Each structure stands twice: as C-alpha cells, then as structure tokens.
Amino acid sequence: MSNPLKCSVCDAVATVHLTQIVQGKVTKVDFCEACAAKGGAGDAAVFKLADAVNKVTAGPAITCPQCGFTDVEFRRRGRLGCPSCWQVFGVALGGLLTKVQHEIQHVGRAPAGTIPVGQLRHRLLAAQQELTAAIAAEDYETAAKLRDEVARIATQLDTL
C-alpha cells in the first residue's frame, strides 16, 4: 500500500485533491478535511486557496542574469538554463551539479558520435597545462606527445 498524500497546509492525511491547469501550468494541491473546509473547497473560488498555498512556497534565491533561470526551476527540472548558469549556480549548488549533470562546468551539447566544442576546449586547456608542466620537468617525450595533441585539438576546433 502506498503512503497517503499529506495536506499542503498542515501535513495531515489529505482527502481533498485539487488540480488546476492555467496556461499549460498544472498546479496540484492536497488538503485534509479541516483545511478544505476552512478554505471553502466546496466553493467555486476554491482555487484561491490553491493559489495562496503556492505563494507560501519559497521564491527563487538565485537568478541567472543571462537567461532569468532560477534555483527553483533548477530544483524542478534538474538541469540548468544556459551556459552562464554554470557560473551563477555553481557555488550555491556545489556537489549537486556533478550528481545531476555529471560535470562541474558547461561543456555544451553535440550530435551523437561527436565531441561537444566545450569538451574539446576543456581538453585543449588541460593539454596545454600538462605540456607546460612536462617542459618544466624536462620530460620531452611526454611534451612532444602533448604538443601533437594540442595541435590536433586546435585543428579540430578550427574546422568546427
């Protein structure tokens, strides 16, 4: 047997369930008998109670200045809105980004079988740093391999 739904107001067992669809947005609210009676669930204006419950939920704390995406939207969708969201939400969401999106920085999307441009740029930067370290350590064999990799990635990025 499944767990019964809780009242949106007092956390008692809900027996009244309301669903409202306005401009494609679905709002579901559950009430116990007492809260439904207080809110006038039998009344035609019952959705004013549903609107009041929805206003009680916390508003967005963080908003991306580029796309207007909020932390509330992130919690609802489980993904971010644009590349600049990664900088805006990165610190606040911490380890959650790696759990949800498997990366700590934006790497973009690409058709199946290709590497996203963001990943190529990330690898190019890493290879350049490794190359500098290999030269400083006088590991010229590794440096030569990294030099070739940097050239290959740079050529690949130029063709995109």
N, C-alpha and C. Protein backbone atom coordinates (compact mmCIF):
# COMPACT_ATOMS: atom_id res chain seq x y z
N MET A 1 0.84 -1.18 0.00
CA MET A 1 0.00 0.00 0.00
C MET A 1 0.89 1.24 0.00
N SER A 2 0.56 2.24 -0.79
CA SER A 2 1.37 3.45 -0.88
C SER A 2 1.08 4.40 0.27
N ASN A 3 2.02 5.31 0.50
CA ASN A 3 1.85 6.31 1.55
C ASN A 3 0.78 7.30 1.14
N PRO A 4 -0.12 7.68 2.06
CA PRO A 4 -1.15 8.65 1.70
C PRO A 4 -0.54 10.03 1.51
N LEU A 5 -1.17 10.84 0.67
CA LEU A 5 -0.70 12.21 0.45
C LEU A 5 -0.94 13.05 1.69
N LYS A 6 -0.07 14.03 1.89
CA LYS A 6 -0.18 14.92 3.05
C LYS A 6 -0.85 16.21 2.65
N CYS A 7 -1.54 16.82 3.60
CA CYS A 7 -2.19 18.11 3.40
C CYS A 7 -1.12 19.17 3.11
N SER A 8 -1.36 20.02 2.14
CA SER A 8 -0.42 21.07 1.76
C SER A 8 -0.29 22.15 2.82
N VAL A 9 -1.25 22.20 3.77
CA VAL A 9 -1.23 23.22 4.80
C VAL A 9 -0.71 22.68 6.13
N CYS A 10 -1.25 21.53 6.58
CA CYS A 10 -0.93 21.09 7.94
C CYS A 10 -0.25 19.71 8.02
N ASP A 11 0.02 19.05 6.94
CA ASP A 11 0.67 17.74 6.89
C ASP A 11 -0.17 16.58 7.42
N ALA A 12 -1.47 16.78 7.62
CA ALA A 12 -2.36 15.67 7.98
C ALA A 12 -2.63 14.87 6.70
N VAL A 13 -3.31 13.74 6.83
CA VAL A 13 -3.64 12.93 5.66
C VAL A 13 -4.63 13.69 4.79
N ALA A 14 -4.28 13.84 3.51
CA ALA A 14 -5.12 14.60 2.58
C ALA A 14 -6.22 13.73 2.01
N THR A 15 -7.44 14.28 1.98
CA THR A 15 -8.56 13.57 1.38
C THR A 15 -9.20 14.37 0.26
N VAL A 16 -8.83 15.64 0.14
CA VAL A 16 -9.34 16.50 -0.92
C VAL A 16 -8.17 16.85 -1.83
N HIS A 17 -8.30 16.58 -3.11
CA HIS A 17 -7.21 16.78 -4.06
C HIS A 17 -7.69 17.70 -5.19
N LEU A 18 -7.00 18.81 -5.36
CA LEU A 18 -7.38 19.78 -6.37
C LEU A 18 -6.30 19.87 -7.44
N THR A 19 -6.73 19.96 -8.70
CA THR A 19 -5.80 20.14 -9.81
C THR A 19 -6.32 21.30 -10.64
N GLN A 20 -5.42 22.25 -10.92
CA GLN A 20 -5.79 23.41 -11.72
C GLN A 20 -4.78 23.53 -12.85
N ILE A 21 -5.28 23.78 -14.07
CA ILE A 21 -4.41 23.98 -15.22
C ILE A 21 -4.71 25.37 -15.78
N VAL A 22 -3.68 26.24 -15.71
CA VAL A 22 -3.82 27.60 -16.22
C VAL A 22 -2.67 27.85 -17.17
N GLN A 23 -2.97 28.15 -18.42
CA GLN A 23 -1.99 28.41 -19.47
C GLN A 23 -0.93 27.30 -19.53
N GLY A 24 -1.39 26.08 -19.44
CA GLY A 24 -0.50 24.93 -19.56
C GLY A 24 0.25 24.56 -18.29
N LYS A 25 0.13 25.35 -17.22
CA LYS A 25 0.82 25.06 -15.96
C LYS A 25 -0.13 24.31 -15.04
N VAL A 26 0.30 23.12 -14.61
CA VAL A 26 -0.51 22.28 -13.74
C VAL A 26 -0.16 22.56 -12.29
N THR A 27 -1.18 22.84 -11.48
CA THR A 27 -1.00 23.05 -10.05
C THR A 27 -1.84 22.01 -9.32
N LYS A 28 -1.19 21.24 -8.46
CA LYS A 28 -1.90 20.23 -7.68
C LYS A 28 -1.75 20.57 -6.21
N VAL A 29 -2.87 20.55 -5.48
CA VAL A 29 -2.87 20.85 -4.06
C VAL A 29 -3.72 19.79 -3.36
N ASP A 30 -3.24 19.34 -2.21
CA ASP A 30 -3.95 18.33 -1.43
C ASP A 30 -4.29 18.91 -0.07
N PHE A 31 -5.52 18.61 0.44
CA PHE A 31 -5.95 19.15 1.72
C PHE A 31 -6.58 18.05 2.57
N CYS A 32 -6.47 18.22 3.90
CA CYS A 32 -7.23 17.36 4.81
C CYS A 32 -8.65 17.93 4.87
N GLU A 33 -9.56 17.25 5.51
CA GLU A 33 -10.95 17.71 5.58
C GLU A 33 -11.05 19.08 6.23
N ALA A 34 -10.31 19.29 7.33
CA ALA A 34 -10.40 20.55 8.08
C ALA A 34 -9.90 21.73 7.25
N CYS A 35 -8.75 21.58 6.62
CA CYS A 35 -8.20 22.68 5.82
C CYS A 35 -9.05 22.94 4.58
N ALA A 36 -9.63 21.90 4.01
CA ALA A 36 -10.50 22.07 2.84
C ALA A 36 -11.75 22.85 3.24
N ALA A 37 -12.30 22.54 4.43
CA ALA A 37 -13.49 23.25 4.91
C ALA A 37 -13.16 24.71 5.21
N LYS A 38 -12.01 24.96 5.83
CA LYS A 38 -11.59 26.33 6.13
C LYS A 38 -11.41 27.14 4.86
N GLY A 39 -10.87 26.50 3.84
CA GLY A 39 -10.60 27.18 2.58
C GLY A 39 -11.78 27.22 1.64
N GLY A 40 -12.89 26.59 2.01
CA GLY A 40 -14.07 26.60 1.17
C GLY A 40 -13.93 25.73 -0.06
N ALA A 41 -13.48 24.49 0.12
CA ALA A 41 -13.24 23.59 -1.01
C ALA A 41 -14.50 23.32 -1.81
N GLY A 42 -15.67 23.51 -1.22
CA GLY A 42 -16.92 23.31 -1.95
C GLY A 42 -17.30 24.54 -2.75
N ASP A 43 -16.62 25.63 -2.54
CA ASP A 43 -16.92 26.90 -3.19
C ASP A 43 -16.29 26.96 -4.58
N ALA A 44 -16.88 27.69 -5.49
CA ALA A 44 -16.34 27.81 -6.85
C ALA A 44 -15.00 28.55 -6.86
N ALA A 45 -14.74 29.35 -5.85
CA ALA A 45 -13.48 30.11 -5.78
C ALA A 45 -12.41 29.33 -5.04
N VAL A 46 -12.54 28.01 -5.00
CA VAL A 46 -11.64 27.16 -4.23
C VAL A 46 -10.18 27.34 -4.65
N PHE A 47 -9.93 27.66 -5.89
CA PHE A 47 -8.54 27.74 -6.33
C PHE A 47 -7.82 28.96 -5.80
N LYS A 48 -8.55 29.88 -5.19
CA LYS A 48 -7.87 30.97 -4.48
C LYS A 48 -7.07 30.38 -3.32
N LEU A 49 -7.59 29.33 -2.70
CA LEU A 49 -6.86 28.65 -1.64
C LEU A 49 -5.62 27.97 -2.21
N ALA A 50 -5.75 27.35 -3.37
CA ALA A 50 -4.60 26.71 -4.00
C ALA A 50 -3.54 27.74 -4.36
N ASP A 51 -3.96 28.90 -4.84
CA ASP A 51 -3.01 29.97 -5.15
C ASP A 51 -2.30 30.46 -3.89
N ALA A 52 -3.04 30.56 -2.79
CA ALA A 52 -2.44 31.01 -1.53
C ALA A 52 -1.39 30.02 -1.04
N VAL A 53 -1.67 28.73 -1.19
CA VAL A 53 -0.70 27.72 -0.77
C VAL A 53 0.54 27.81 -1.63
N ASN A 54 0.37 28.03 -2.93
CA ASN A 54 1.52 28.14 -3.83
C ASN A 54 2.36 29.36 -3.54
N LYS A 55 1.76 30.44 -3.04
CA LYS A 55 2.51 31.64 -2.70
C LYS A 55 3.35 31.44 -1.45
N VAL A 56 2.98 30.48 -0.61
CA VAL A 56 3.73 30.20 0.61
C VAL A 56 5.10 29.60 0.30
N THR A 57 5.22 28.89 -0.82
CA THR A 57 6.50 28.27 -1.16
C THR A 57 7.55 29.33 -1.38
N ALA A 58 8.79 29.00 -1.01
CA ALA A 58 9.88 29.97 -1.08
C ALA A 58 10.12 30.41 -2.52
N GLY A 59 10.37 31.69 -2.70
CA GLY A 59 10.68 32.22 -4.01
C GLY A 59 12.13 31.94 -4.37
N PRO A 60 12.50 32.26 -5.58
CA PRO A 60 13.88 32.00 -6.00
C PRO A 60 14.88 32.85 -5.23
N ALA A 61 15.99 32.23 -4.84
CA ALA A 61 17.05 32.94 -4.13
C ALA A 61 18.13 33.40 -5.10
N ILE A 62 18.31 32.65 -6.19
CA ILE A 62 19.35 32.94 -7.17
C ILE A 62 18.70 32.99 -8.55
N THR A 63 19.07 34.00 -9.35
CA THR A 63 18.57 34.12 -10.71
C THR A 63 19.73 34.38 -11.65
N CYS A 64 19.78 33.67 -12.75
CA CYS A 64 20.81 33.88 -13.76
C CYS A 64 20.52 35.19 -14.49
N PRO A 65 21.47 36.13 -14.53
CA PRO A 65 21.22 37.39 -15.21
C PRO A 65 21.12 37.25 -16.74
N GLN A 66 21.69 36.18 -17.27
CA GLN A 66 21.69 35.96 -18.72
C GLN A 66 20.32 35.48 -19.23
N CYS A 67 19.77 34.44 -18.57
CA CYS A 67 18.54 33.83 -19.10
C CYS A 67 17.34 33.93 -18.15
N GLY A 68 17.56 34.41 -16.92
CA GLY A 68 16.46 34.53 -15.97
C GLY A 68 16.10 33.24 -15.26
N PHE A 69 16.88 32.18 -15.47
CA PHE A 69 16.63 30.88 -14.85
C PHE A 69 16.86 31.00 -13.34
N THR A 70 16.04 30.33 -12.52
CA THR A 70 16.15 30.44 -11.07
C THR A 70 16.53 29.10 -10.44
N ASP A 71 16.94 29.17 -9.17
CA ASP A 71 17.26 27.95 -8.44
C ASP A 71 16.02 27.09 -8.25
N VAL A 72 14.86 27.71 -8.18
CA VAL A 72 13.61 26.95 -8.06
C VAL A 72 13.38 26.12 -9.32
N GLU A 73 13.62 26.73 -10.49
CA GLU A 73 13.50 26.00 -11.75
C GLU A 73 14.50 24.85 -11.82
N PHE A 74 15.71 25.09 -11.32
CA PHE A 74 16.71 24.02 -11.33
C PHE A 74 16.24 22.83 -10.50
N ARG A 75 15.69 23.12 -9.31
CA ARG A 75 15.20 22.03 -8.45
C ARG A 75 14.05 21.29 -9.13
N ARG A 76 13.22 22.00 -9.87
CA ARG A 76 12.07 21.37 -10.52
C ARG A 76 12.50 20.56 -11.74
N ARG A 77 13.39 21.09 -12.58
CA ARG A 77 13.78 20.45 -13.83
C ARG A 77 14.98 19.52 -13.70
N GLY A 78 15.91 19.85 -12.81
CA GLY A 78 17.12 19.05 -12.67
C GLY A 78 18.17 19.37 -13.70
N ARG A 79 18.06 20.52 -14.36
CA ARG A 79 19.08 20.95 -15.31
C ARG A 79 19.07 22.47 -15.35
N LEU A 80 20.14 23.04 -15.91
CA LEU A 80 20.29 24.49 -15.94
C LEU A 80 19.81 25.07 -17.26
N GLY A 81 19.64 26.40 -17.29
CA GLY A 81 19.06 27.04 -18.45
C GLY A 81 20.03 27.42 -19.55
N CYS A 82 21.23 27.92 -19.20
CA CYS A 82 22.17 28.39 -20.22
C CYS A 82 23.60 28.21 -19.69
N PRO A 83 24.60 28.41 -20.54
CA PRO A 83 25.99 28.25 -20.09
C PRO A 83 26.38 29.16 -18.93
N SER A 84 25.84 30.38 -18.87
CA SER A 84 26.24 31.26 -17.76
C SER A 84 25.63 30.81 -16.43
N CYS A 85 24.59 29.97 -16.47
CA CYS A 85 24.02 29.42 -15.23
C CYS A 85 25.07 28.63 -14.46
N TRP A 86 26.02 28.04 -15.18
CA TRP A 86 27.05 27.25 -14.51
C TRP A 86 27.86 28.10 -13.56
N GLN A 87 28.17 29.34 -13.94
CA GLN A 87 28.92 30.22 -13.04
C GLN A 87 28.01 30.72 -11.92
N VAL A 88 26.78 31.08 -12.25
CA VAL A 88 25.86 31.65 -11.27
C VAL A 88 25.49 30.63 -10.19
N PHE A 89 25.16 29.42 -10.60
CA PHE A 89 24.68 28.40 -9.66
C PHE A 89 25.77 27.48 -9.13
N GLY A 90 26.93 27.50 -9.75
CA GLY A 90 28.00 26.56 -9.42
C GLY A 90 28.34 26.49 -7.95
N VAL A 91 28.57 27.63 -7.32
CA VAL A 91 28.96 27.65 -5.90
C VAL A 91 27.80 27.23 -5.01
N ALA A 92 26.63 27.78 -5.28
CA ALA A 92 25.47 27.51 -4.43
C ALA A 92 25.02 26.05 -4.49
N LEU A 93 25.10 25.46 -5.66
CA LEU A 93 24.61 24.09 -5.81
C LEU A 93 25.68 23.04 -5.58
N GLY A 94 26.93 23.47 -5.51
CA GLY A 94 28.03 22.59 -5.15
C GLY A 94 28.01 21.24 -5.81
N GLY A 95 28.08 20.20 -4.99
CA GLY A 95 28.16 18.83 -5.48
C GLY A 95 26.92 18.35 -6.21
N LEU A 96 25.81 19.06 -6.06
CA LEU A 96 24.59 18.65 -6.73
C LEU A 96 24.74 18.68 -8.25
N LEU A 97 25.51 19.65 -8.76
CA LEU A 97 25.72 19.72 -10.21
C LEU A 97 26.37 18.46 -10.74
N THR A 98 27.35 17.95 -10.02
CA THR A 98 28.03 16.74 -10.50
C THR A 98 27.10 15.53 -10.45
N LYS A 99 26.20 15.50 -9.49
CA LYS A 99 25.26 14.38 -9.42
C LYS A 99 24.24 14.45 -10.55
N VAL A 100 23.76 15.65 -10.85
CA VAL A 100 22.70 15.81 -11.84
C VAL A 100 23.24 15.88 -13.26
N GLN A 101 24.32 16.65 -13.48
CA GLN A 101 24.80 16.90 -14.83
C GLN A 101 26.15 16.25 -15.13
N HIS A 102 26.74 15.58 -14.16
CA HIS A 102 27.97 14.81 -14.32
C HIS A 102 29.20 15.64 -14.65
N GLU A 103 29.12 16.93 -14.62
CA GLU A 103 30.25 17.82 -14.89
C GLU A 103 30.14 19.01 -13.96
N ILE A 104 31.26 19.65 -13.67
CA ILE A 104 31.21 20.84 -12.85
C ILE A 104 31.30 22.11 -13.69
N GLN A 105 31.42 21.95 -15.00
CA GLN A 105 31.39 23.11 -15.88
C GLN A 105 30.63 22.75 -17.15
N HIS A 106 30.12 23.78 -17.80
CA HIS A 106 29.31 23.57 -19.00
C HIS A 106 30.19 23.11 -20.16
N VAL A 107 29.78 22.02 -20.82
CA VAL A 107 30.53 21.53 -21.97
C VAL A 107 29.69 21.51 -23.23
N GLY A 108 28.45 21.91 -23.14
CA GLY A 108 27.60 22.01 -24.31
C GLY A 108 27.04 20.68 -24.77
N ARG A 109 26.30 20.73 -25.85
CA ARG A 109 25.70 19.53 -26.44
C ARG A 109 26.24 19.35 -27.84
N ALA A 110 26.20 18.13 -28.31
CA ALA A 110 26.67 17.84 -29.66
C ALA A 110 25.90 16.63 -30.19
N PRO A 111 25.83 16.51 -31.51
CA PRO A 111 25.17 15.34 -32.09
C PRO A 111 25.88 14.05 -31.67
N ALA A 112 25.14 12.97 -31.66
CA ALA A 112 25.71 11.68 -31.29
C ALA A 112 26.92 11.37 -32.16
N GLY A 113 27.96 10.84 -31.53
CA GLY A 113 29.16 10.45 -32.26
C GLY A 113 30.18 11.56 -32.41
N THR A 114 29.87 12.76 -31.91
CA THR A 114 30.82 13.87 -31.97
C THR A 114 31.13 14.35 -30.55
N ILE A 115 32.20 15.09 -30.43
CA ILE A 115 32.58 15.62 -29.12
C ILE A 115 32.12 17.07 -29.06
N PRO A 116 31.43 17.47 -27.98
CA PRO A 116 30.99 18.86 -27.86
C PRO A 116 32.18 19.82 -27.86
N VAL A 117 31.99 21.00 -28.42
CA VAL A 117 33.04 22.01 -28.51
C VAL A 117 33.58 22.35 -27.12
N GLY A 118 32.71 22.43 -26.15
CA GLY A 118 33.14 22.74 -24.78
C GLY A 118 34.12 21.71 -24.24
N GLN A 119 33.86 20.44 -24.54
CA GLN A 119 34.78 19.39 -24.09
C GLN A 119 36.12 19.50 -24.79
N LEU A 120 36.09 19.83 -26.08
CA LEU A 120 37.34 20.00 -26.82
C LEU A 120 38.17 21.15 -26.24
N ARG A 121 37.51 22.27 -25.97
CA ARG A 121 38.22 23.42 -25.39
C ARG A 121 38.79 23.08 -24.03
N HIS A 122 38.00 22.36 -23.23
CA HIS A 122 38.45 21.95 -21.91
C HIS A 122 39.69 21.04 -22.02
N ARG A 123 39.65 20.08 -22.93
CA ARG A 123 40.79 19.18 -23.12
C ARG A 123 42.00 19.93 -23.66
N LEU A 124 41.79 20.90 -24.56
CA LEU A 124 42.88 21.70 -25.10
C LEU A 124 43.58 22.47 -23.98
N LEU A 125 42.81 23.10 -23.12
CA LEU A 125 43.39 23.84 -21.99
C LEU A 125 44.17 22.92 -21.08
N ALA A 126 43.59 21.75 -20.77
CA ALA A 126 44.28 20.79 -19.90
C ALA A 126 45.57 20.29 -20.55
N ALA A 127 45.54 20.01 -21.84
CA ALA A 127 46.74 19.53 -22.55
C ALA A 127 47.82 20.61 -22.58
N GLN A 128 47.41 21.86 -22.75
CA GLN A 128 48.39 22.96 -22.73
C GLN A 128 49.05 23.09 -21.37
N GLN A 129 48.28 22.93 -20.31
CA GLN A 129 48.83 22.99 -18.96
C GLN A 129 49.77 21.81 -18.69
N GLU A 130 49.36 20.62 -19.14
CA GLU A 130 50.21 19.44 -18.99
C GLU A 130 51.51 19.61 -19.79
N LEU A 131 51.41 20.21 -20.97
CA LEU A 131 52.59 20.46 -21.81
C LEU A 131 53.56 21.39 -21.10
N THR A 132 53.06 22.46 -20.52
CA THR A 132 53.91 23.39 -19.78
C THR A 132 54.60 22.69 -18.61
N ALA A 133 53.85 21.85 -17.89
CA ALA A 133 54.42 21.11 -16.77
C ALA A 133 55.47 20.11 -17.23
N ALA A 134 55.22 19.44 -18.37
CA ALA A 134 56.17 18.46 -18.89
C ALA A 134 57.47 19.15 -19.33
N ILE A 135 57.36 20.31 -19.94
CA ILE A 135 58.55 21.05 -20.35
C ILE A 135 59.34 21.50 -19.12
N ALA A 136 58.63 21.98 -18.10
CA ALA A 136 59.30 22.42 -16.87
C ALA A 136 60.01 21.26 -16.19
N ALA A 137 59.44 20.06 -16.31
CA ALA A 137 60.04 18.87 -15.69
C ALA A 137 61.07 18.22 -16.62
N GLU A 138 61.28 18.83 -17.78
CA GLU A 138 62.21 18.33 -18.78
C GLU A 138 61.88 16.90 -19.24
N ASP A 139 60.58 16.62 -19.28
CA ASP A 139 60.08 15.34 -19.80
C ASP A 139 59.69 15.57 -21.26
N TYR A 140 60.68 15.58 -22.13
CA TYR A 140 60.48 15.99 -23.52
C TYR A 140 59.69 14.97 -24.34
N GLU A 141 59.74 13.72 -23.96
CA GLU A 141 58.97 12.70 -24.69
C GLU A 141 57.47 12.95 -24.49
N THR A 142 57.08 13.16 -23.23
CA THR A 142 55.68 13.46 -22.93
C THR A 142 55.29 14.80 -23.55
N ALA A 143 56.21 15.77 -23.49
CA ALA A 143 55.94 17.10 -24.05
C ALA A 143 55.68 17.01 -25.55
N ALA A 144 56.41 16.17 -26.25
CA ALA A 144 56.20 16.02 -27.69
C ALA A 144 54.82 15.43 -27.99
N LYS A 145 54.41 14.44 -27.19
CA LYS A 145 53.08 13.85 -27.37
C LYS A 145 51.99 14.89 -27.10
N LEU A 146 52.18 15.66 -26.05
CA LEU A 146 51.20 16.68 -25.70
C LEU A 146 51.17 17.80 -26.75
N ARG A 147 52.32 18.16 -27.29
CA ARG A 147 52.38 19.17 -28.35
C ARG A 147 51.54 18.72 -29.55
N ASP A 148 51.68 17.43 -29.92
CA ASP A 148 50.92 16.89 -31.03
C ASP A 148 49.42 16.87 -30.73
N GLU A 149 49.08 16.55 -29.48
CA GLU A 149 47.67 16.52 -29.08
C GLU A 149 47.09 17.94 -29.12
N VAL A 150 47.84 18.92 -28.63
CA VAL A 150 47.38 20.31 -28.67
C VAL A 150 47.14 20.74 -30.11
N ALA A 151 48.05 20.41 -31.00
CA ALA A 151 47.90 20.77 -32.42
C ALA A 151 46.68 20.08 -33.03
N ARG A 152 46.48 18.80 -32.70
CA ARG A 152 45.34 18.05 -33.24
C ARG A 152 44.02 18.65 -32.77
N ILE A 153 43.93 18.97 -31.48
CA ILE A 153 42.69 19.54 -30.93
C ILE A 153 42.44 20.93 -31.50
N ALA A 154 43.50 21.73 -31.61
CA ALA A 154 43.35 23.08 -32.17
C ALA A 154 42.86 23.02 -33.62
N THR A 155 43.38 22.08 -34.39
CA THR A 155 42.93 21.90 -35.77
C THR A 155 41.46 21.47 -35.80
N GLN A 156 41.12 20.56 -34.90
CA GLN A 156 39.74 20.07 -34.83
C GLN A 156 38.78 21.22 -34.48
N LEU A 157 39.19 22.08 -33.55
CA LEU A 157 38.35 23.22 -33.18
C LEU A 157 38.23 24.23 -34.32
N ASP A 158 39.30 24.40 -35.09
CA ASP A 158 39.27 25.34 -36.22
C ASP A 158 38.31 24.90 -37.31
N THR A 159 38.11 23.61 -37.46
CA THR A 159 37.24 23.09 -38.51
C THR A 159 35.76 23.14 -38.11
N LEU A 160 35.48 23.38 -36.84
CA LEU A 160 34.08 23.43 -36.38
C LEU A 160 33.42 24.75 -36.66
